[in-house]
Structure formats: structure tokens, C-alpha cells
């Protein structure tokens, strides 16, 4: 499960960066909203999977409350899931 959680976190973080760095400029600068629809939906699904898995891992590994909270904050910050993985996962 730890390996799966790492990969979900990586894909969630990558999808967030693609959404912010590619899809949103395509929408707001070049008037192509379809990119945000597609990438945004993929990111939304990955975000939900990451949050669900973080909650599961917190219960299984008996994370302290502050580690769990950091995992939630990591989900909403660019590069957050990568930093969380590096600092808090074995």
C-alpha cells in the first residue's frame, strides 16, 4: 500500500503542476478551456484518491495528527505531495 500511496501522490502532484502550468495558461491566455476540463477532471480524481489513501495510511501507520494534517496540506500546494513523500514517508 505504501508504494501505491507514493505513486498516487506523485501522479496527483504532477497533474496539479500540469493543470497550473499548462492547462490554465491554455485557457486564460489562448482561450482553450478544453485543456482545463480534461486535466482538471483527471486531477480531481487523483486528488480524491490521494486524500482517501492518506487517511487510510494515517490509520494504518498511526500517524500523529500533525503528519496527517501535513499530508492534507500537501495535497493543495504545488509540489506538496513530493515534499511530503520525501520528508515523511519511510
N, C-alpha and C. Protein backbone atom coordinates (compact mmCIF):
# COMPACT_ATOMS: atom_id res chain seq x y z
N UNK A 1 0.82 -1.21 0.00
CA UNK A 1 0.00 0.00 0.00
C UNK A 1 0.86 1.26 0.00
N UNK A 2 2.02 1.19 0.68
CA UNK A 2 2.88 2.37 0.73
C UNK A 2 3.34 2.75 -0.67
N UNK A 3 3.70 1.76 -1.46
CA UNK A 3 4.14 2.03 -2.83
C UNK A 3 3.01 2.65 -3.65
N UNK A 4 1.81 2.13 -3.51
CA UNK A 4 0.66 2.69 -4.22
C UNK A 4 0.40 4.12 -3.78
N UNK A 5 0.49 4.39 -2.48
CA UNK A 5 0.29 5.74 -1.97
C UNK A 5 1.34 6.70 -2.55
N UNK A 6 2.58 6.25 -2.64
CA UNK A 6 3.63 7.09 -3.23
C UNK A 6 3.29 7.44 -4.67
N UNK A 7 2.87 6.44 -5.44
CA UNK A 7 2.57 6.68 -6.85
C UNK A 7 1.35 7.57 -7.04
N UNK A 8 0.33 7.37 -6.23
CA UNK A 8 -0.84 8.24 -6.32
C UNK A 8 -0.43 9.68 -5.99
N UNK A 9 0.40 9.85 -4.97
CA UNK A 9 0.89 11.19 -4.61
C UNK A 9 1.70 11.82 -5.72
N UNK A 10 2.52 11.03 -6.37
CA UNK A 10 3.33 11.55 -7.49
C UNK A 10 2.44 11.98 -8.66
N UNK A 11 1.48 11.12 -9.01
CA UNK A 11 0.59 11.47 -10.12
C UNK A 11 -0.31 12.65 -9.77
N UNK A 12 -0.76 12.73 -8.52
CA UNK A 12 -1.58 13.87 -8.10
C UNK A 12 -0.76 15.15 -8.19
N UNK A 13 0.46 15.12 -7.70
CA UNK A 13 1.32 16.29 -7.77
C UNK A 13 1.63 16.70 -9.20
N UNK A 14 1.90 15.72 -10.05
CA UNK A 14 2.18 16.00 -11.45
C UNK A 14 0.96 16.58 -12.16
N UNK A 15 -0.20 16.01 -11.88
CA UNK A 15 -1.42 16.53 -12.52
C UNK A 15 -1.71 17.96 -12.09
N UNK A 16 -1.40 18.28 -10.84
CA UNK A 16 -1.59 19.66 -10.35
C UNK A 16 -0.65 20.62 -11.07
N UNK A 17 0.60 20.20 -11.24
CA UNK A 17 1.56 21.05 -11.96
C UNK A 17 1.16 21.24 -13.42
N UNK A 18 0.67 20.19 -14.05
CA UNK A 18 0.20 20.30 -15.44
C UNK A 18 -1.01 21.22 -15.52
N UNK A 19 -1.91 21.10 -14.56
CA UNK A 19 -3.09 21.96 -14.52
C UNK A 19 -2.68 23.42 -14.38
N UNK A 20 -1.80 23.71 -13.44
CA UNK A 20 -1.38 25.09 -13.20
C UNK A 20 -0.46 25.64 -14.28
N UNK A 21 0.45 24.80 -14.77
CA UNK A 21 1.49 25.29 -15.68
C UNK A 21 1.16 25.22 -17.15
N UNK A 22 0.25 24.33 -17.52
CA UNK A 22 -0.06 24.17 -18.95
C UNK A 22 -1.53 24.45 -19.24
N UNK A 23 -2.42 23.75 -18.53
CA UNK A 23 -3.85 23.84 -18.86
C UNK A 23 -4.43 25.23 -18.58
N UNK A 24 -4.09 25.80 -17.43
CA UNK A 24 -4.66 27.12 -17.12
C UNK A 24 -4.13 28.22 -18.04
N UNK A 25 -2.83 28.24 -18.37
CA UNK A 25 -2.41 29.22 -19.37
C UNK A 25 -3.08 29.01 -20.73
N UNK A 26 -3.30 27.75 -21.12
CA UNK A 26 -4.01 27.49 -22.37
C UNK A 26 -5.41 28.09 -22.32
N UNK A 27 -6.06 28.01 -21.19
CA UNK A 27 -7.42 28.54 -21.06
C UNK A 27 -7.42 30.07 -21.02
N UNK A 28 -6.63 30.65 -20.14
CA UNK A 28 -6.73 32.08 -19.89
C UNK A 28 -5.91 32.95 -20.83
N UNK A 29 -4.89 32.40 -21.45
CA UNK A 29 -4.08 33.19 -22.38
C UNK A 29 -4.50 32.93 -23.82
N UNK A 30 -4.70 31.65 -24.15
CA UNK A 30 -5.00 31.30 -25.53
C UNK A 30 -6.45 30.90 -25.77
N UNK A 31 -7.29 31.00 -24.76
CA UNK A 31 -8.71 30.75 -24.94
C UNK A 31 -9.08 29.31 -25.27
N UNK A 32 -8.39 28.36 -24.72
CA UNK A 32 -8.66 26.94 -24.94
C UNK A 32 -9.11 26.27 -23.63
N UNK A 33 -10.39 26.37 -23.28
CA UNK A 33 -10.86 25.84 -22.00
C UNK A 33 -10.90 24.32 -21.91
N UNK A 34 -10.82 23.63 -23.03
CA UNK A 34 -10.91 22.17 -23.02
C UNK A 34 -9.78 21.54 -22.21
N UNK A 35 -8.61 22.14 -22.24
CA UNK A 35 -7.47 21.57 -21.50
C UNK A 35 -7.76 21.52 -20.00
N UNK A 36 -8.39 22.57 -19.48
CA UNK A 36 -8.70 22.59 -18.05
C UNK A 36 -9.77 21.56 -17.73
N UNK A 37 -10.70 21.36 -18.62
CA UNK A 37 -11.73 20.35 -18.37
C UNK A 37 -11.12 18.96 -18.25
N UNK A 38 -10.27 18.62 -19.17
CA UNK A 38 -9.68 17.28 -19.20
C UNK A 38 -8.70 17.09 -18.05
N UNK A 39 -7.72 17.98 -17.94
CA UNK A 39 -6.70 17.85 -16.90
C UNK A 39 -7.33 18.06 -15.52
N UNK A 40 -8.27 18.98 -15.43
CA UNK A 40 -8.93 19.24 -14.15
C UNK A 40 -9.70 18.03 -13.64
N UNK A 41 -10.36 17.32 -14.54
CA UNK A 41 -11.09 16.12 -14.12
C UNK A 41 -10.12 15.03 -13.67
N UNK A 42 -9.04 14.84 -14.40
CA UNK A 42 -8.04 13.84 -14.00
C UNK A 42 -7.44 14.22 -12.65
N UNK A 43 -7.10 15.49 -12.50
CA UNK A 43 -6.53 15.95 -11.24
C UNK A 43 -7.52 15.77 -10.09
N UNK A 44 -8.78 16.06 -10.32
CA UNK A 44 -9.79 15.90 -9.28
C UNK A 44 -9.89 14.46 -8.79
N UNK A 45 -9.88 13.52 -9.72
CA UNK A 45 -9.92 12.11 -9.34
C UNK A 45 -8.68 11.69 -8.57
N UNK A 46 -7.52 12.16 -9.03
CA UNK A 46 -6.28 11.84 -8.32
C UNK A 46 -6.23 12.49 -6.94
N UNK A 47 -6.76 13.71 -6.85
CA UNK A 47 -6.81 14.41 -5.56
C UNK A 47 -7.65 13.61 -4.56
N UNK A 48 -8.83 13.17 -5.00
CA UNK A 48 -9.69 12.38 -4.11
C UNK A 48 -9.03 11.06 -3.72
N UNK A 49 -8.36 10.42 -4.67
CA UNK A 49 -7.65 9.17 -4.36
C UNK A 49 -6.54 9.42 -3.35
N UNK A 50 -5.80 10.53 -3.53
CA UNK A 50 -4.71 10.86 -2.61
C UNK A 50 -5.25 11.10 -1.20
N UNK A 51 -6.30 11.87 -1.08
CA UNK A 51 -6.87 12.17 0.24
C UNK A 51 -7.38 10.89 0.91
N UNK A 52 -8.08 10.06 0.15
CA UNK A 52 -8.58 8.79 0.71
C UNK A 52 -7.43 7.90 1.15
N UNK A 53 -6.40 7.81 0.33
CA UNK A 53 -5.26 6.95 0.69
C UNK A 53 -4.46 7.54 1.85
N UNK A 54 -4.35 8.86 1.92
CA UNK A 54 -3.65 9.48 3.05
C UNK A 54 -4.39 9.19 4.35
N UNK A 55 -5.71 9.24 4.32
CA UNK A 55 -6.48 8.90 5.51
C UNK A 55 -6.28 7.44 5.90
N UNK A 56 -6.30 6.57 4.91
CA UNK A 56 -6.08 5.15 5.17
C UNK A 56 -4.68 4.91 5.75
N UNK A 57 -3.67 5.53 5.14
CA UNK A 57 -2.28 5.35 5.61
C UNK A 57 -2.12 5.91 7.02
N UNK A 58 -2.79 7.02 7.30
CA UNK A 58 -2.70 7.61 8.64
C UNK A 58 -3.23 6.64 9.69
N UNK A 59 -4.31 5.96 9.37
CA UNK A 59 -4.86 4.98 10.30
C UNK A 59 -3.96 3.75 10.42
N UNK A 60 -3.51 3.24 9.28
CA UNK A 60 -2.69 2.04 9.28
C UNK A 60 -1.34 2.24 9.96
N UNK A 61 -0.71 3.38 9.68
CA UNK A 61 0.63 3.64 10.22
C UNK A 61 0.59 4.43 11.53
N UNK A 62 -0.61 4.75 11.98
CA UNK A 62 -0.79 5.51 13.22
C UNK A 62 0.02 6.80 13.22
N UNK A 63 -0.19 7.59 12.14
CA UNK A 63 0.48 8.87 12.04
C UNK A 63 0.01 9.79 13.16
N UNK A 64 0.90 10.63 13.62
CA UNK A 64 0.48 11.68 14.55
C UNK A 64 -0.40 12.66 13.78
N UNK A 65 -1.20 13.39 14.51
CA UNK A 65 -2.15 14.31 13.89
C UNK A 65 -1.45 15.33 12.99
N UNK A 66 -0.28 15.83 13.40
CA UNK A 66 0.39 16.84 12.59
C UNK A 66 0.90 16.25 11.27
N UNK A 67 1.31 14.99 11.24
CA UNK A 67 1.74 14.36 9.99
C UNK A 67 0.55 14.18 9.06
N UNK A 68 -0.57 13.76 9.63
CA UNK A 68 -1.78 13.64 8.81
C UNK A 68 -2.18 15.00 8.24
N UNK A 69 -2.15 16.03 9.08
CA UNK A 69 -2.50 17.37 8.62
C UNK A 69 -1.56 17.83 7.51
N UNK A 70 -0.28 17.56 7.65
CA UNK A 70 0.67 17.92 6.61
C UNK A 70 0.37 17.19 5.30
N UNK A 71 -0.08 15.95 5.39
CA UNK A 71 -0.44 15.22 4.16
C UNK A 71 -1.62 15.89 3.47
N UNK A 72 -2.55 16.43 4.24
CA UNK A 72 -3.70 17.13 3.66
C UNK A 72 -3.28 18.47 3.05
N UNK A 73 -2.42 19.19 3.73
CA UNK A 73 -1.92 20.47 3.20
C UNK A 73 -1.11 20.22 1.93
N UNK A 74 -0.34 19.14 1.92
CA UNK A 74 0.48 18.81 0.75
C UNK A 74 -0.37 18.63 -0.50
N UNK A 75 -1.58 18.16 -0.32
CA UNK A 75 -2.46 17.90 -1.47
C UNK A 75 -2.90 19.18 -2.17
N UNK A 76 -2.84 20.31 -1.49
CA UNK A 76 -3.33 21.55 -2.09
C UNK A 76 -2.22 22.54 -2.43
N UNK A 77 -0.97 22.15 -2.23
CA UNK A 77 0.15 23.01 -2.57
C UNK A 77 0.92 22.44 -3.76
N UNK A 78 1.32 23.29 -4.70
CA UNK A 78 2.16 22.80 -5.78
C UNK A 78 3.44 22.19 -5.20
N UNK A 79 3.82 21.05 -5.67
CA UNK A 79 4.98 20.27 -5.20
C UNK A 79 4.80 19.72 -3.79
N UNK A 80 3.65 19.92 -3.19
CA UNK A 80 3.42 19.48 -1.81
C UNK A 80 3.53 17.99 -1.61
N UNK A 81 2.96 17.22 -2.53
CA UNK A 81 3.00 15.76 -2.35
C UNK A 81 4.41 15.23 -2.49
N UNK A 82 5.22 15.87 -3.33
CA UNK A 82 6.61 15.44 -3.49
C UNK A 82 7.42 15.71 -2.21
N UNK A 83 7.21 16.88 -1.64
CA UNK A 83 7.91 17.24 -0.39
C UNK A 83 7.44 16.33 0.74
N UNK A 84 6.13 16.09 0.83
CA UNK A 84 5.61 15.22 1.89
C UNK A 84 6.21 13.83 1.77
N UNK A 85 6.27 13.30 0.56
CA UNK A 85 6.84 11.96 0.37
C UNK A 85 8.30 11.93 0.83
N UNK A 86 9.06 12.93 0.44
CA UNK A 86 10.49 12.96 0.78
C UNK A 86 10.72 13.06 2.27
N UNK A 87 9.91 13.86 2.97
CA UNK A 87 10.16 14.12 4.39
C UNK A 87 9.47 13.15 5.34
N UNK A 88 8.33 12.59 4.95
CA UNK A 88 7.52 11.87 5.95
C UNK A 88 7.22 10.41 5.64
N UNK A 89 7.59 9.93 4.47
CA UNK A 89 7.31 8.52 4.18
C UNK A 89 8.60 7.71 4.30
N UNK A 90 8.47 6.53 4.87
CA UNK A 90 9.68 5.69 5.04
C UNK A 90 10.22 5.16 3.72
